[in-house]
Amino acid sequence: MNELVQLTLIWASALAAVGAARATRMTPVVYYLGAGAVLVNLGWLSSDTGPFIRGLSELGIILIMFALGFEESAGNFLRSIRRSWGIAFFGALFPFLVAFGVAYGFWRDAQIAVMCGLTMTATAVSLTMVSLRSEGLHQSPVATRVMTAAVLDDIASLALIAVVIPLVTEGGASVGALGVGWILAKAVLFFVVVTIFGAWVFPDSPSGWVSRVPLLGNRGLRHLLRMDRGEHAVLQVLLLALGSALFGHLFGFHPAVGAYMAGLVVAREHFFDGHEQGSYADTKRIVDNVAFSWIGPVFFVNLGAHLEFDAELLVGVIPHVFAMTLGVMVFQIASASLAARYTSGMRPAASLMIGFGMLGRAELAFVVMDIAYVQHGILSTEAFYTLMVSCFWLNIAVPLAIHWWKPRYERERALTA
């Protein structure tokens, strides 16, 4: 019964967080984390939650990562890579190096520094798209570049997490060259297997050697999702998400890696058209509701519950937060903007808008923090607080910067139209 009371408090705080996010035009993630911190410091929620809440929390991040992958059109994503690779590469490399340098400079621990770097690598695409939508820019070229670059960063970050976490948790020095090679081989094998399933097993009409396999030869994912006129489509895609997450876990990866890849594999054309039951729109609406409204928030509130306020600690990490936030902000804007200008051919004002749009840190950053601090104890308490507070200020900066720069961007668009 106690855990049901905790779940009631979590859901109530999540609903309040949504209202606060709407009022301030920010991502609810920030407020979910804040709600968890408030609840634990009031003594209403324990930082060491029971198995029921922990299980919901883990399920929540699996569903969130699947939903984020489910939003992406694999075809559009692949077509946009050519124009956005530079933004993704340089816009991730320099924040990683800055966060690594700041963390290593303060704590002299390579493992902590690597995890801080990974935390600051991936852009919060949901926060940026919400901010651009509120300014009427969600269908602009800037939005397309930011979206593609952010997805590339997310995939690269997931791949790095898949490789780095085993190295760090098993002791990098003791693993040896053979161990490193085996971890890399498992990562490659996992992504190859997922690609094979996505290219040959799941499509409407399986091709190649799969077409000669009994039962699979003329049946693809489209046939499965249209069974009983799509009545079971939501159950089927959620089963795919969990199955892929568990498959990734067998390879030693975080379940979020497999769930995200499963989301990329499922395509709009596998579903019924329109908005009726079993259609892509209907399935996506339900998946998003489950992931972002009532199970996903449990993960963020539970993570925020690890922020037990300690005035001395908070004051002590002010220099760390200042250095981390300012360093990532400057180098993120500069690297993404220059890459957009010289590798993607964007105009100056548009390039800077892309730099502002790449500032946010949300879902994937907090997944890394959860893995590194809660699950494996790699991050120190000081490093965890530094990352949490730094992400908060970076997220605050996104809507403010986009709103401030919008007039200059629109003047440039008018002149070049």
Protein backbone atom coordinates (compact mmCIF):
# COMPACT_ATOMS: atom_id res chain seq x y z
CA MET A 1 0.00 0.00 0.00
CA ASN A 2 2.88 2.39 0.78
CA GLU A 3 4.16 2.20 -2.79
CA LEU A 4 0.68 2.91 -4.14
CA VAL A 5 0.66 6.06 -2.00
CA GLN A 6 4.05 6.99 -3.48
CA LEU A 7 2.73 6.38 -7.00
CA THR A 8 -0.26 8.61 -6.26
CA LEU A 9 2.09 11.39 -5.16
CA ILE A 10 4.30 10.89 -8.24
CA TRP A 11 1.35 11.10 -10.63
CA ALA A 12 -0.09 14.13 -8.85
CA SER A 13 3.26 15.92 -9.01
CA ALA A 14 3.65 14.94 -12.68
CA LEU A 15 0.29 16.54 -13.46
CA ALA A 16 1.35 19.71 -11.64
CA ALA A 17 4.64 19.67 -13.56
CA VAL A 18 2.78 19.55 -16.88
CA GLY A 19 0.81 22.64 -15.90
CA ALA A 20 3.98 24.48 -14.87
CA ALA A 21 5.71 23.47 -18.11
CA ARG A 22 2.83 24.74 -20.20
CA ALA A 23 2.82 28.05 -18.35
CA THR A 24 6.57 28.55 -18.85
CA ARG A 25 6.83 26.92 -22.32
CA MET A 26 9.50 24.49 -21.14
CA THR A 27 9.86 20.74 -21.23
CA PRO A 28 8.03 18.99 -18.36
CA VAL A 29 11.21 16.96 -17.70
CA VAL A 30 12.72 19.81 -15.70
CA TYR A 31 9.64 20.02 -13.51
CA TYR A 32 9.41 16.24 -13.08
CA LEU A 33 12.93 16.28 -11.68
CA GLY A 34 12.07 19.25 -9.47
CA ALA A 35 8.94 17.48 -8.22
CA GLY A 36 10.99 14.45 -7.20
CA ALA A 37 13.46 16.66 -5.37
CA VAL A 38 10.66 18.48 -3.53
CA LEU A 39 8.88 15.25 -2.56
CA VAL A 40 12.02 13.59 -1.17
CA ASN A 41 13.04 16.68 0.80
CA LEU A 42 9.55 16.99 2.29
CA GLY A 43 9.90 13.38 3.43
CA TRP A 44 6.92 12.26 1.31
CA LEU A 45 9.04 10.14 -1.04
CA SER A 46 12.07 8.02 -0.28
CA SER A 47 15.23 8.23 -2.36
CA ASP A 48 15.42 4.45 -1.97
CA THR A 49 12.06 3.50 -3.50
CA GLY A 50 10.67 -0.01 -3.43
CA PRO A 51 10.76 -2.60 -6.23
CA PHE A 52 7.36 -1.56 -7.64
CA ILE A 53 8.36 2.08 -8.21
CA ARG A 54 11.83 1.07 -9.45
CA GLY A 55 10.24 -1.35 -11.91
CA LEU A 56 7.86 1.32 -13.21
CA SER A 57 10.78 3.72 -13.46
CA GLU A 58 12.79 1.30 -15.59
CA LEU A 59 9.75 0.54 -17.75
CA GLY A 60 9.20 4.29 -18.11
CA ILE A 61 12.60 5.02 -19.62
CA ILE A 62 12.27 2.04 -21.97
CA LEU A 63 8.94 3.40 -23.22
CA ILE A 64 10.30 6.94 -23.50
CA MET A 65 13.24 5.86 -25.61
CA PHE A 66 10.99 3.69 -27.80
CA ALA A 67 8.57 6.59 -28.27
CA LEU A 68 11.42 8.93 -29.27
CA GLY A 69 12.60 6.41 -31.86
CA PHE A 70 9.00 5.81 -32.95
CA GLU A 71 8.65 9.51 -33.79
CA GLU A 72 11.44 9.32 -36.34
CA SER A 73 10.89 8.41 -39.97
CA ALA A 74 13.87 6.26 -40.89
CA GLY A 75 13.66 7.41 -44.53
CA ASN A 76 13.57 11.14 -43.74
CA PHE A 77 16.30 10.65 -41.18
CA LEU A 78 18.62 8.93 -43.67
CA ARG A 79 17.93 11.58 -46.34
CA SER A 80 18.81 14.40 -43.94
CA ILE A 81 22.10 12.95 -42.74
CA ARG A 82 24.11 14.44 -45.60
CA ARG A 83 23.17 17.99 -44.65
CA SER A 84 23.29 17.55 -40.89
CA TRP A 85 26.26 15.29 -40.16
CA GLY A 86 28.59 18.20 -39.45
CA ILE A 87 26.16 19.79 -37.00
CA ALA A 88 25.77 16.46 -35.22
CA PHE A 89 29.48 15.61 -35.14
CA PHE A 90 30.96 18.96 -34.11
CA GLY A 91 27.90 19.87 -32.01
CA ALA A 92 28.50 16.74 -29.93
CA LEU A 93 32.30 16.54 -29.95
CA PHE A 94 33.02 19.93 -28.38
CA PRO A 95 30.44 19.68 -25.55
CA PHE A 96 31.86 16.23 -24.76
CA LEU A 97 35.42 17.57 -24.63
CA VAL A 98 34.42 20.58 -22.54
CA ALA A 99 32.41 18.53 -20.04
CA PHE A 100 35.19 15.94 -19.86
CA GLY A 101 37.80 18.67 -19.28
CA VAL A 102 35.79 20.49 -16.63
CA ALA A 103 34.96 17.27 -14.77
CA TYR A 104 38.52 15.97 -14.91
CA GLY A 105 39.88 19.33 -13.82
CA PHE A 106 37.70 19.34 -10.70
CA TRP A 107 37.68 15.65 -9.70
CA ARG A 108 40.72 14.07 -11.41
CA ASP A 109 38.74 10.92 -12.18
CA ALA A 110 38.65 9.69 -15.79
CA GLN A 111 35.52 7.58 -15.27
CA ILE A 112 33.55 10.52 -13.86
CA ALA A 113 34.86 12.75 -16.63
CA VAL A 114 33.77 10.30 -19.36
CA MET A 115 30.26 10.01 -17.94
CA CYS A 116 29.99 13.80 -17.64
CA GLY A 117 31.08 14.07 -21.26
CA LEU A 118 28.47 11.53 -22.38
CA THR A 119 25.77 13.33 -20.39
CA MET A 120 26.46 16.56 -22.25
CA THR A 121 26.66 14.96 -25.71
CA ALA A 122 23.01 14.46 -26.68
CA THR A 123 20.64 17.34 -27.45
CA ALA A 124 17.12 17.47 -25.99
CA VAL A 125 15.19 17.42 -29.25
CA SER A 126 11.80 17.50 -27.52
CA LEU A 127 12.62 20.72 -25.68
CA THR A 128 13.93 22.41 -28.83
CA MET A 129 10.95 21.36 -30.96
CA VAL A 130 8.50 22.60 -28.29
CA SER A 131 10.36 25.93 -28.17
CA LEU A 132 10.44 26.24 -31.97
CA ARG A 133 6.75 25.32 -32.19
CA SER A 134 5.84 28.02 -29.69
CA GLU A 135 7.58 30.54 -31.98
CA GLY A 136 5.98 29.14 -35.17
CA LEU A 137 9.31 27.80 -36.45
CA HIS A 138 8.73 24.04 -36.13
CA GLN A 139 8.49 23.58 -39.93
CA SER A 140 11.47 25.77 -40.78
CA PRO A 141 14.79 24.50 -42.21
CA VAL A 142 16.32 25.18 -38.80
CA ALA A 143 13.93 22.71 -37.17
CA THR A 144 14.80 20.01 -39.74
CA ARG A 145 18.55 20.44 -39.19
CA VAL A 146 18.26 20.43 -35.41
CA MET A 147 15.99 17.38 -35.44
CA THR A 148 18.29 15.33 -37.66
CA ALA A 149 21.47 16.39 -35.86
CA ALA A 150 19.89 15.65 -32.48
CA VAL A 151 18.81 12.17 -33.58
CA LEU A 152 22.32 11.47 -34.92
CA ASP A 153 23.75 12.61 -31.59
CA ASP A 154 21.29 10.39 -29.71
CA ILE A 155 22.23 7.33 -31.76
CA ALA A 156 25.94 8.05 -31.36
CA SER A 157 25.48 8.59 -27.62
CA LEU A 158 23.59 5.31 -27.26
CA ALA A 159 26.35 3.51 -29.15
CA LEU A 160 28.99 5.09 -26.91
CA ILE A 161 26.99 4.19 -23.80
CA ALA A 162 26.77 0.61 -25.03
CA VAL A 163 30.57 0.46 -25.33
CA VAL A 164 31.68 2.70 -22.45
CA ILE A 165 29.45 1.45 -19.61
CA PRO A 166 30.86 -2.12 -19.65
CA LEU A 167 34.40 -0.71 -19.80
CA VAL A 168 33.82 1.62 -16.87
CA THR A 169 31.85 -0.80 -14.69
CA GLU A 170 34.27 -3.67 -15.27
CA GLY A 171 37.33 -1.51 -14.71
CA GLY A 172 38.86 -0.17 -17.89
CA ALA A 173 42.43 -1.07 -16.97
CA SER A 174 41.57 -4.66 -16.09
CA VAL A 175 39.51 -5.41 -19.19
CA GLY A 176 42.48 -5.55 -21.56
CA ALA A 177 42.63 -5.38 -25.33
CA LEU A 178 40.72 -8.64 -25.78
CA GLY A 179 37.94 -7.47 -23.49
CA VAL A 180 37.66 -4.13 -25.29
CA GLY A 181 37.54 -5.96 -28.61
CA TRP A 182 34.78 -8.24 -27.35
CA ILE A 183 32.71 -5.28 -26.11
CA LEU A 184 33.09 -3.51 -29.47
CA ALA A 185 32.23 -6.74 -31.30
CA LYS A 186 29.05 -7.13 -29.23
CA ALA A 187 28.06 -3.54 -29.97
CA VAL A 188 28.60 -4.02 -33.70
CA LEU A 189 26.78 -7.36 -33.67
CA PHE A 190 23.79 -5.89 -31.85
CA PHE A 191 23.36 -3.04 -34.33
CA VAL A 192 23.90 -5.40 -37.27
CA VAL A 193 21.20 -7.76 -36.01
CA VAL A 194 18.76 -4.87 -35.49
CA THR A 195 19.55 -3.57 -38.98
CA ILE A 196 18.94 -7.02 -40.50
CA PHE A 197 15.58 -7.27 -38.78
CA GLY A 198 14.66 -3.76 -39.86
CA ALA A 199 15.72 -4.24 -43.47
CA TRP A 200 14.71 -7.82 -44.24
CA VAL A 201 12.50 -9.32 -41.55
CA PHE A 202 10.12 -6.52 -40.55
CA PRO A 203 9.18 -4.93 -43.91
CA ASP A 204 5.90 -5.56 -45.70
CA SER A 205 7.42 -8.25 -47.94
CA PRO A 206 10.61 -9.83 -46.53
CA SER A 207 13.40 -10.03 -49.07
CA GLY A 208 16.58 -12.03 -49.60
CA TRP A 209 17.09 -15.28 -47.73
CA VAL A 210 14.30 -14.36 -45.28
CA SER A 211 11.73 -14.73 -48.08
CA ARG A 212 12.52 -18.47 -48.17
CA VAL A 213 12.01 -19.02 -44.43
CA PRO A 214 8.72 -20.79 -43.60
CA LEU A 215 6.04 -18.48 -42.14
CA LEU A 216 8.28 -15.42 -42.67
CA GLY A 217 8.45 -15.69 -46.43
CA ASN A 218 5.30 -13.70 -47.10
CA ARG A 219 4.64 -12.10 -43.73
CA GLY A 220 6.21 -8.90 -42.43
CA LEU A 221 5.55 -6.43 -39.62
CA ARG A 222 2.77 -4.82 -41.65
CA HIS A 223 0.80 -8.08 -41.66
CA LEU A 224 1.30 -8.46 -37.93
CA LEU A 225 0.20 -4.91 -37.07
CA ARG A 226 -2.91 -5.23 -39.26
CA MET A 227 -4.06 -8.45 -37.63
CA ASP A 228 -7.71 -8.14 -36.49
CA ARG A 229 -7.77 -4.72 -38.20
CA GLY A 230 -5.05 -3.34 -35.92
CA GLU A 231 -6.89 -4.05 -32.68
CA HIS A 232 -3.68 -5.29 -31.05
CA ALA A 233 -1.22 -2.83 -32.65
CA VAL A 234 -0.37 -1.04 -29.40
CA LEU A 235 0.30 -4.31 -27.57
CA GLN A 236 2.45 -5.51 -30.48
CA VAL A 237 4.66 -2.42 -30.65
CA LEU A 238 5.07 -2.33 -26.86
CA LEU A 239 6.02 -6.01 -26.93
CA LEU A 240 8.53 -5.18 -29.66
CA ALA A 241 9.96 -2.37 -27.51
CA LEU A 242 10.39 -4.59 -24.44
CA GLY A 243 11.69 -7.51 -26.49
CA SER A 244 14.30 -5.32 -28.17
CA ALA A 245 15.25 -3.77 -24.81
CA LEU A 246 15.79 -7.23 -23.31
CA PHE A 247 17.70 -8.31 -26.42
CA GLY A 248 20.04 -5.34 -26.01
CA HIS A 249 20.42 -6.16 -22.33
CA LEU A 250 21.61 -9.66 -23.27
CA PHE A 251 24.48 -7.96 -25.12
CA GLY A 252 25.35 -6.00 -21.98
CA PHE A 253 23.73 -2.73 -23.07
CA HIS A 254 21.26 -0.54 -21.25
CA PRO A 255 17.68 -1.53 -22.24
CA ALA A 256 17.12 2.00 -23.58
CA VAL A 257 19.50 1.25 -26.46
CA GLY A 258 17.38 -1.63 -27.75
CA ALA A 259 14.11 0.22 -27.19
CA TYR A 260 15.26 3.23 -29.20
CA MET A 261 16.43 1.06 -32.09
CA ALA A 262 13.09 -0.77 -32.09
CA GLY A 263 11.33 2.57 -32.42
CA LEU A 264 13.41 3.43 -35.48
CA VAL A 265 12.57 0.09 -37.10
CA VAL A 266 8.78 0.55 -36.89
CA ALA A 267 7.57 2.74 -39.78
CA ARG A 268 4.35 4.59 -40.56
CA GLU A 269 3.66 2.44 -43.64
CA HIS A 270 3.32 -0.67 -41.47
CA PHE A 271 0.02 0.63 -40.07
CA PHE A 272 -3.45 1.41 -41.35
CA ASP A 273 -3.92 4.87 -42.81
CA GLY A 274 -6.11 7.51 -41.21
CA HIS A 275 -6.89 7.92 -37.51
CA GLU A 276 -8.97 4.83 -36.76
CA GLN A 277 -8.02 2.17 -34.25
CA GLY A 278 -4.79 0.45 -35.20
CA SER A 279 -3.57 3.30 -37.43
CA TYR A 280 -0.16 4.90 -37.03
CA ALA A 281 -1.72 8.07 -35.60
CA ASP A 282 -3.84 6.15 -33.10
CA THR A 283 -0.97 3.90 -32.03
CA LYS A 284 1.47 6.80 -31.70
CA ARG A 285 -1.05 8.76 -29.62
CA ILE A 286 -1.42 5.89 -27.17
CA VAL A 287 2.33 5.13 -27.04
CA ASP A 288 3.13 8.81 -26.44
CA ASN A 289 0.47 9.00 -23.73
CA VAL A 290 1.88 5.96 -21.94
CA ALA A 291 5.50 7.07 -22.35
CA PHE A 292 5.26 10.79 -21.66
CA SER A 293 2.16 11.20 -19.50
CA TRP A 294 1.81 8.47 -16.90
CA ILE A 295 4.64 5.90 -16.85
CA GLY A 296 7.61 7.84 -18.27
CA PRO A 297 7.33 10.63 -15.66
CA VAL A 298 7.85 8.04 -12.91
CA PHE A 299 11.44 7.66 -14.15
CA PHE A 300 12.18 11.39 -13.96
CA VAL A 301 10.44 11.96 -10.62
CA ASN A 302 12.28 8.95 -9.18
CA LEU A 303 15.58 10.32 -10.51
CA GLY A 304 14.84 13.74 -9.05
CA ALA A 305 14.22 12.04 -5.70
CA HIS A 306 17.98 11.44 -5.47
CA LEU A 307 18.48 15.21 -5.09
CA GLU A 308 18.27 15.50 -1.33
CA PHE A 309 19.04 19.14 -0.61
CA ASP A 310 22.26 19.79 1.21
CA ALA A 311 22.96 23.51 1.48
CA GLU A 312 26.68 22.97 2.02
CA LEU A 313 26.91 20.65 -1.00
CA LEU A 314 24.89 22.98 -3.25
CA VAL A 315 27.08 25.94 -2.33
CA GLY A 316 30.17 23.80 -2.84
CA VAL A 317 29.28 22.88 -6.43
CA ILE A 318 28.53 26.46 -7.56
CA PRO A 319 31.97 26.82 -9.22
CA HIS A 320 31.51 23.41 -10.90
CA VAL A 321 28.05 24.34 -12.18
CA PHE A 322 29.25 27.71 -13.44
CA ALA A 323 32.20 26.21 -15.32
CA MET A 324 30.17 23.31 -16.75
CA THR A 325 27.19 25.41 -17.82
CA LEU A 326 29.20 28.28 -19.32
CA GLY A 327 31.71 25.98 -21.05
CA VAL A 328 29.07 23.73 -22.63
CA MET A 329 26.92 26.73 -23.61
CA VAL A 330 29.73 28.61 -25.37
CA PHE A 331 31.22 25.63 -27.18
CA GLN A 332 27.84 24.11 -28.06
CA ILE A 333 26.61 27.30 -29.71
CA ALA A 334 29.92 27.98 -31.43
CA SER A 335 30.52 24.45 -32.74
CA ALA A 336 26.95 23.80 -33.93
CA SER A 337 26.67 27.26 -35.51
CA LEU A 338 29.97 27.03 -37.38
CA ALA A 339 29.15 23.51 -38.54
CA ALA A 340 25.74 24.65 -39.78
CA ARG A 341 27.35 27.54 -41.63
CA TYR A 342 30.20 25.67 -43.29
CA THR A 343 29.05 22.04 -43.60
CA SER A 344 25.31 22.56 -44.09
CA GLY A 345 25.29 25.83 -46.03
CA MET A 346 22.99 27.70 -43.65
CA ARG A 347 22.89 31.50 -43.48
CA PRO A 348 24.48 33.25 -40.43
CA ALA A 349 21.30 33.94 -38.45
CA ALA A 350 19.94 30.46 -39.17
CA SER A 351 23.25 28.93 -38.13
CA LEU A 352 23.18 30.69 -34.79
CA MET A 353 19.55 29.65 -34.27
CA ILE A 354 20.66 26.04 -34.75
CA GLY A 355 23.37 26.60 -32.15
CA PHE A 356 20.75 27.85 -29.67
CA GLY A 357 18.50 24.92 -30.52
CA MET A 358 21.23 22.41 -29.66
CA LEU A 359 21.65 23.67 -26.08
CA GLY A 360 19.02 21.58 -24.31
CA ARG A 361 19.74 18.43 -22.34
CA ALA A 362 16.82 16.20 -21.36
CA GLU A 363 15.81 12.54 -21.75
CA LEU A 364 19.06 10.90 -22.83
CA ALA A 365 21.21 13.04 -20.53
CA PHE A 366 19.18 11.87 -17.56
CA VAL A 367 19.35 8.27 -18.76
CA VAL A 368 23.15 8.53 -18.64
CA MET A 369 23.01 10.09 -15.16
CA ASP A 370 20.68 7.34 -13.94
CA ILE A 371 23.01 4.64 -15.28
CA ALA A 372 26.14 6.31 -13.93
CA TYR A 373 24.88 7.49 -10.52
CA VAL A 374 21.90 5.38 -9.48
CA GLN A 375 22.68 2.02 -11.10
CA HIS A 376 26.48 1.83 -11.04
CA GLY A 377 27.67 4.52 -8.61
CA ILE A 378 30.24 5.88 -11.08
CA LEU A 379 29.39 9.54 -10.50
CA SER A 380 30.14 11.15 -7.16
CA THR A 381 27.38 13.08 -5.42
CA GLU A 382 29.10 16.36 -6.35
CA ALA A 383 29.29 15.36 -10.02
CA PHE A 384 25.64 14.27 -10.04
CA TYR A 385 24.48 17.57 -8.55
CA THR A 386 26.70 19.50 -10.95
CA LEU A 387 25.21 17.76 -13.98
CA MET A 388 21.62 18.07 -12.79
CA VAL A 389 21.87 21.80 -12.07
CA SER A 390 23.85 22.47 -15.26
CA CYS A 391 21.22 20.69 -17.37
CA PHE A 392 18.56 22.79 -15.66
CA TRP A 393 20.23 26.06 -16.68
CA LEU A 394 20.95 24.84 -20.21
CA ASN A 395 17.28 23.92 -20.62
CA ILE A 396 16.21 27.32 -19.32
CA ALA A 397 18.42 28.96 -21.96
CA VAL A 398 16.79 27.24 -24.97
CA PRO A 399 13.35 28.94 -25.09
CA LEU A 400 14.83 32.27 -23.99
CA ALA A 401 17.54 32.24 -26.68
CA ILE A 402 15.19 31.13 -29.46
CA HIS A 403 12.64 33.83 -28.56
CA TRP A 404 15.38 36.49 -28.41
CA TRP A 405 16.95 35.49 -31.75
CA LYS A 406 13.72 34.92 -33.70
CA PRO A 407 13.39 38.50 -35.10
CA ARG A 408 16.91 38.39 -36.55
CA TYR A 409 16.32 34.96 -38.05
CA GLU A 410 13.03 36.02 -39.64
CA ARG A 411 14.62 39.17 -41.12
CA GLU A 412 17.27 36.98 -42.73
CA ARG A 413 14.62 34.62 -44.10
CA ALA A 414 12.69 37.53 -45.57
CA LEU A 415 15.78 38.93 -47.29
CA THR A 416 16.75 35.58 -48.80
CA ALA A 417 13.24 34.44 -49.77
